[in-house]
């Protein structure tokens, strides 16, 4: 089973800072230094931003999402983290690209996805244990169109959603804007894959300390 570590998150900070500081020199991205860089996993990178501090003792306000993108196809950790650290920070269409001035207020989370299983039905999973990836069909020109959507394992628990509420939110995320009932055709068309994840998280302050320690060795 894959184990996400703070070093994975630190590498995402390395990549993002290299890009934002010197965007014209992609060769300036430092090499990955963690041990399992050649292993392959499906993965997601998530950036969150805390509110501004009001004093030196203030930890800052509530965090909000600034980007989250990943891939369900196994990738080498070094190249996968490098790609999705930037994609989630700069190319998540729900948000404007992260700016260099925001980096000190960021935290990074890396999720390595494991234990994929096809569920018996769309309710065959546990809140707080499984991530869920759904495939479903909606009417469109020329027939039915396939849509997909996913939530990582922590999302339903953090939002306080039941399984039924989570599925409804996934349908909306996947582009379905029609009525949602417990026995509608769209729900019956859902193919659900459940999975688990190993997650690590690192704030910018922790990153700065980690890199200062590394430089002093």
Protein backbone atom coordinates (compact mmCIF):
# COMPACT_ATOMS: atom_id res chain seq x y z
CA UNK A 1 0.00 0.00 0.00
CA UNK A 2 1.28 3.46 -0.84
CA UNK A 3 2.14 5.84 1.97
CA UNK A 4 1.89 9.55 1.32
CA UNK A 5 4.47 11.62 3.23
CA UNK A 6 5.19 15.24 4.03
CA UNK A 7 8.18 15.00 1.67
CA UNK A 8 5.73 14.44 -1.19
CA UNK A 9 3.92 17.63 -0.21
CA UNK A 10 7.22 19.50 0.16
CA UNK A 11 8.18 18.48 -3.37
CA UNK A 12 4.89 19.96 -4.63
CA UNK A 13 5.84 23.24 -2.95
CA UNK A 14 9.30 23.01 -4.59
CA UNK A 15 7.70 22.57 -8.00
CA UNK A 16 5.16 25.36 -7.55
CA UNK A 17 7.72 27.85 -6.25
CA UNK A 18 10.12 27.04 -9.09
CA UNK A 19 7.35 27.64 -11.63
CA UNK A 20 6.05 30.86 -10.10
CA UNK A 21 9.50 32.31 -9.41
CA UNK A 22 11.02 31.47 -12.81
CA UNK A 23 8.21 30.40 -15.18
CA UNK A 24 10.43 30.60 -18.25
CA UNK A 25 12.94 28.05 -16.92
CA UNK A 26 11.15 24.74 -16.29
CA UNK A 27 14.54 23.04 -15.93
CA UNK A 28 14.83 24.86 -12.60
CA UNK A 29 12.50 22.36 -10.92
CA UNK A 30 14.59 20.51 -8.29
CA UNK A 31 14.91 16.73 -8.53
CA UNK A 32 12.70 14.63 -6.25
CA UNK A 33 14.58 13.43 -3.18
CA UNK A 34 12.05 11.06 -1.59
CA UNK A 35 12.77 7.32 -1.62
CA UNK A 36 9.78 5.91 -3.51
CA UNK A 37 9.84 8.33 -6.44
CA UNK A 38 9.82 5.57 -9.07
CA UNK A 39 6.76 3.80 -7.66
CA UNK A 40 3.47 4.32 -9.49
CA UNK A 41 0.14 5.39 -8.01
CA UNK A 42 -3.03 7.17 -9.02
CA UNK A 43 -2.81 10.46 -7.15
CA UNK A 44 -4.38 13.82 -6.37
CA UNK A 45 -2.78 17.09 -5.26
CA UNK A 46 -4.88 19.56 -3.27
CA UNK A 47 -4.04 23.17 -2.43
CA UNK A 48 -5.86 25.06 0.32
CA UNK A 49 -5.43 28.66 1.44
CA UNK A 50 -6.00 30.05 4.92
CA UNK A 51 -7.32 33.50 5.67
CA UNK A 52 -4.92 36.35 6.51
CA UNK A 53 -3.35 36.58 9.95
CA UNK A 54 -4.29 39.48 12.22
CA UNK A 55 -1.18 39.15 14.41
CA UNK A 56 2.05 37.16 14.67
CA UNK A 57 0.32 34.77 17.10
CA UNK A 58 -2.71 34.29 14.87
CA UNK A 59 -2.73 31.01 12.92
CA UNK A 60 -4.97 32.53 10.28
CA UNK A 61 -8.57 32.07 9.26
CA UNK A 62 -10.44 29.05 7.93
CA UNK A 63 -8.89 27.27 4.98
CA UNK A 64 -10.62 27.18 1.62
CA UNK A 65 -9.95 25.12 -1.45
CA UNK A 66 -7.67 26.68 -4.09
CA UNK A 67 -7.26 23.72 -6.42
CA UNK A 68 -7.53 19.95 -6.61
CA UNK A 69 -6.70 17.83 -9.65
CA UNK A 70 -5.43 14.29 -10.02
CA UNK A 71 -5.38 11.18 -12.13
CA UNK A 72 -6.79 7.66 -11.73
CA UNK A 73 -4.08 6.14 -13.92
CA UNK A 74 -0.94 5.03 -12.03
CA UNK A 75 1.96 7.43 -12.53
CA UNK A 76 5.52 7.61 -11.25
CA UNK A 77 5.42 9.66 -8.08
CA UNK A 78 8.10 12.13 -9.13
CA UNK A 79 6.58 12.99 -12.51
CA UNK A 80 3.00 12.66 -11.28
CA UNK A 81 3.49 15.04 -8.37
CA UNK A 82 5.37 17.45 -10.60
CA UNK A 83 2.54 17.48 -13.15
CA UNK A 84 -0.37 17.70 -10.74
CA UNK A 85 1.22 20.14 -8.30
CA UNK A 86 1.09 22.63 -11.17
CA UNK A 87 -2.17 21.47 -12.74
CA UNK A 88 -4.07 21.79 -9.46
CA UNK A 89 -2.49 25.15 -8.64
CA UNK A 90 -2.74 26.77 -12.06
CA UNK A 91 -5.28 24.90 -14.20
CA UNK A 92 -8.25 24.06 -11.97
CA UNK A 93 -10.95 25.93 -13.89
CA UNK A 94 -13.01 26.50 -10.73
CA UNK A 95 -10.41 28.99 -9.48
CA UNK A 96 -8.03 31.65 -10.71
CA UNK A 97 -4.39 30.45 -10.88
CA UNK A 98 -2.45 30.62 -7.62
CA UNK A 99 -0.09 33.61 -7.44
CA UNK A 100 3.37 33.69 -5.87
CA UNK A 101 2.10 36.09 -3.19
CA UNK A 102 -0.38 33.43 -1.99
CA UNK A 103 2.14 30.66 -1.40
CA UNK A 104 2.91 31.54 2.27
CA UNK A 105 -0.80 31.06 3.03
CA UNK A 106 -1.08 27.66 1.34
CA UNK A 107 -1.15 24.11 2.52
CA UNK A 108 -0.64 21.13 0.24
CA UNK A 109 -2.15 17.66 0.51
CA UNK A 110 -1.09 14.61 -1.49
CA UNK A 111 -3.47 11.65 -1.77
CA UNK A 112 -2.22 8.32 -3.12
CA UNK A 113 -5.16 6.19 -4.22
CA UNK A 114 -5.31 2.46 -3.48
CA UNK A 115 -7.67 -0.52 -3.18
CA UNK A 116 -9.99 0.17 -6.11
CA UNK A 117 -13.13 -2.01 -6.06
CA UNK A 118 -16.26 -2.02 -8.18
CA UNK A 119 -19.20 -1.59 -5.81
CA UNK A 120 -22.32 -3.74 -5.89
CA UNK A 121 -24.43 -0.57 -6.25
CA UNK A 122 -24.13 3.17 -5.73
CA UNK A 123 -24.68 2.85 -1.95
CA UNK A 124 -22.06 0.12 -1.43
CA UNK A 125 -19.39 2.22 0.31
CA UNK A 126 -18.65 3.86 3.68
CA UNK A 127 -18.47 7.58 4.49
CA UNK A 128 -15.02 8.54 5.76
CA UNK A 129 -13.48 5.26 4.55
CA UNK A 130 -13.91 5.22 0.78
CA UNK A 131 -13.44 7.67 -1.99
CA UNK A 132 -16.08 7.26 -4.68
CA UNK A 133 -15.84 7.57 -8.42
CA UNK A 134 -19.09 7.39 -10.37
CA UNK A 135 -19.84 6.90 -14.05
CA UNK A 136 -23.37 7.69 -15.24
CA UNK A 137 -25.34 8.69 -18.32
CA UNK A 138 -27.45 11.75 -19.06
CA UNK A 139 -29.59 12.50 -22.10
CA UNK A 140 -27.96 14.57 -24.83
CA UNK A 141 -28.09 15.24 -28.51
CA UNK A 142 -27.78 11.96 -30.33
CA UNK A 143 -28.45 9.83 -27.26
CA UNK A 144 -26.97 9.29 -23.82
CA UNK A 145 -23.71 10.93 -22.77
CA UNK A 146 -21.33 9.42 -20.22
CA UNK A 147 -20.26 11.59 -17.30
CA UNK A 148 -17.91 10.94 -14.38
CA UNK A 149 -17.17 12.54 -11.02
CA UNK A 150 -15.26 11.72 -7.85
CA UNK A 151 -14.83 12.75 -4.24
CA UNK A 152 -11.79 11.79 -2.18
CA UNK A 153 -12.52 9.81 1.04
CA UNK A 154 -12.46 12.80 3.38
CA UNK A 155 -14.91 15.00 1.45
CA UNK A 156 -18.24 13.48 2.54
CA UNK A 157 -17.13 13.35 6.18
CA UNK A 158 -15.88 16.94 6.18
CA UNK A 159 -19.11 18.18 4.61
CA UNK A 160 -21.33 16.13 6.91
CA UNK A 161 -23.04 14.42 3.97
CA UNK A 162 -24.85 11.10 4.06
CA UNK A 163 -24.20 8.59 1.29
CA UNK A 164 -27.34 9.70 -0.55
CA UNK A 165 -26.34 13.37 -0.26
CA UNK A 166 -22.84 12.57 -1.49
CA UNK A 167 -24.20 10.81 -4.57
CA UNK A 168 -26.46 13.78 -5.29
CA UNK A 169 -23.48 16.14 -5.03
CA UNK A 170 -21.45 13.91 -7.35
CA UNK A 171 -24.22 13.95 -9.95
CA UNK A 172 -24.23 17.75 -9.83
CA UNK A 173 -20.44 17.82 -10.04
CA UNK A 174 -20.62 15.55 -13.07
CA UNK A 175 -22.94 17.96 -14.88
CA UNK A 176 -26.42 16.57 -14.19
CA UNK A 177 -28.89 19.41 -13.55
CA UNK A 178 -32.17 17.49 -13.57
CA UNK A 179 -34.25 16.33 -10.59
CA UNK A 180 -32.59 13.79 -8.28
CA UNK A 181 -34.71 11.20 -6.48
CA UNK A 182 -33.88 7.88 -4.84
CA UNK A 183 -35.39 5.94 -7.75
CA UNK A 184 -34.63 8.01 -10.82
CA UNK A 185 -33.12 6.62 -13.99
CA UNK A 186 -29.85 8.52 -13.61
CA UNK A 187 -29.15 7.01 -10.19
CA UNK A 188 -29.95 3.55 -11.52
CA UNK A 189 -27.39 4.07 -14.30
CA UNK A 190 -24.54 4.79 -11.85
CA UNK A 191 -21.53 2.54 -11.86
CA UNK A 192 -19.59 3.25 -8.66
CA UNK A 193 -15.97 2.42 -7.94
CA UNK A 194 -14.82 2.81 -4.37
CA UNK A 195 -11.23 3.31 -3.29
CA UNK A 196 -9.08 4.32 -0.34
CA UNK A 197 -6.30 6.83 -0.07
CA UNK A 198 -3.15 7.52 1.89
CA UNK A 199 -2.99 11.25 2.57
CA UNK A 200 -0.30 13.62 3.80
CA UNK A 201 -0.62 17.35 4.41
CA UNK A 202 1.94 20.14 4.84
CA UNK A 203 1.49 23.85 5.48
CA UNK A 204 3.86 26.42 3.99
CA UNK A 205 5.22 27.18 7.46
CA UNK A 206 6.05 23.50 7.95
CA UNK A 207 7.56 23.40 4.47
CA UNK A 208 9.84 26.36 5.24
CA UNK A 209 11.09 24.66 8.43
CA UNK A 210 11.61 21.36 6.60
CA UNK A 211 13.64 22.95 3.84
CA UNK A 212 15.68 25.03 6.32
CA UNK A 213 16.57 21.82 8.15
CA UNK A 214 17.51 20.13 4.86
CA UNK A 215 19.75 23.06 3.87
CA UNK A 216 21.59 22.94 7.19
CA UNK A 217 22.50 19.26 6.86
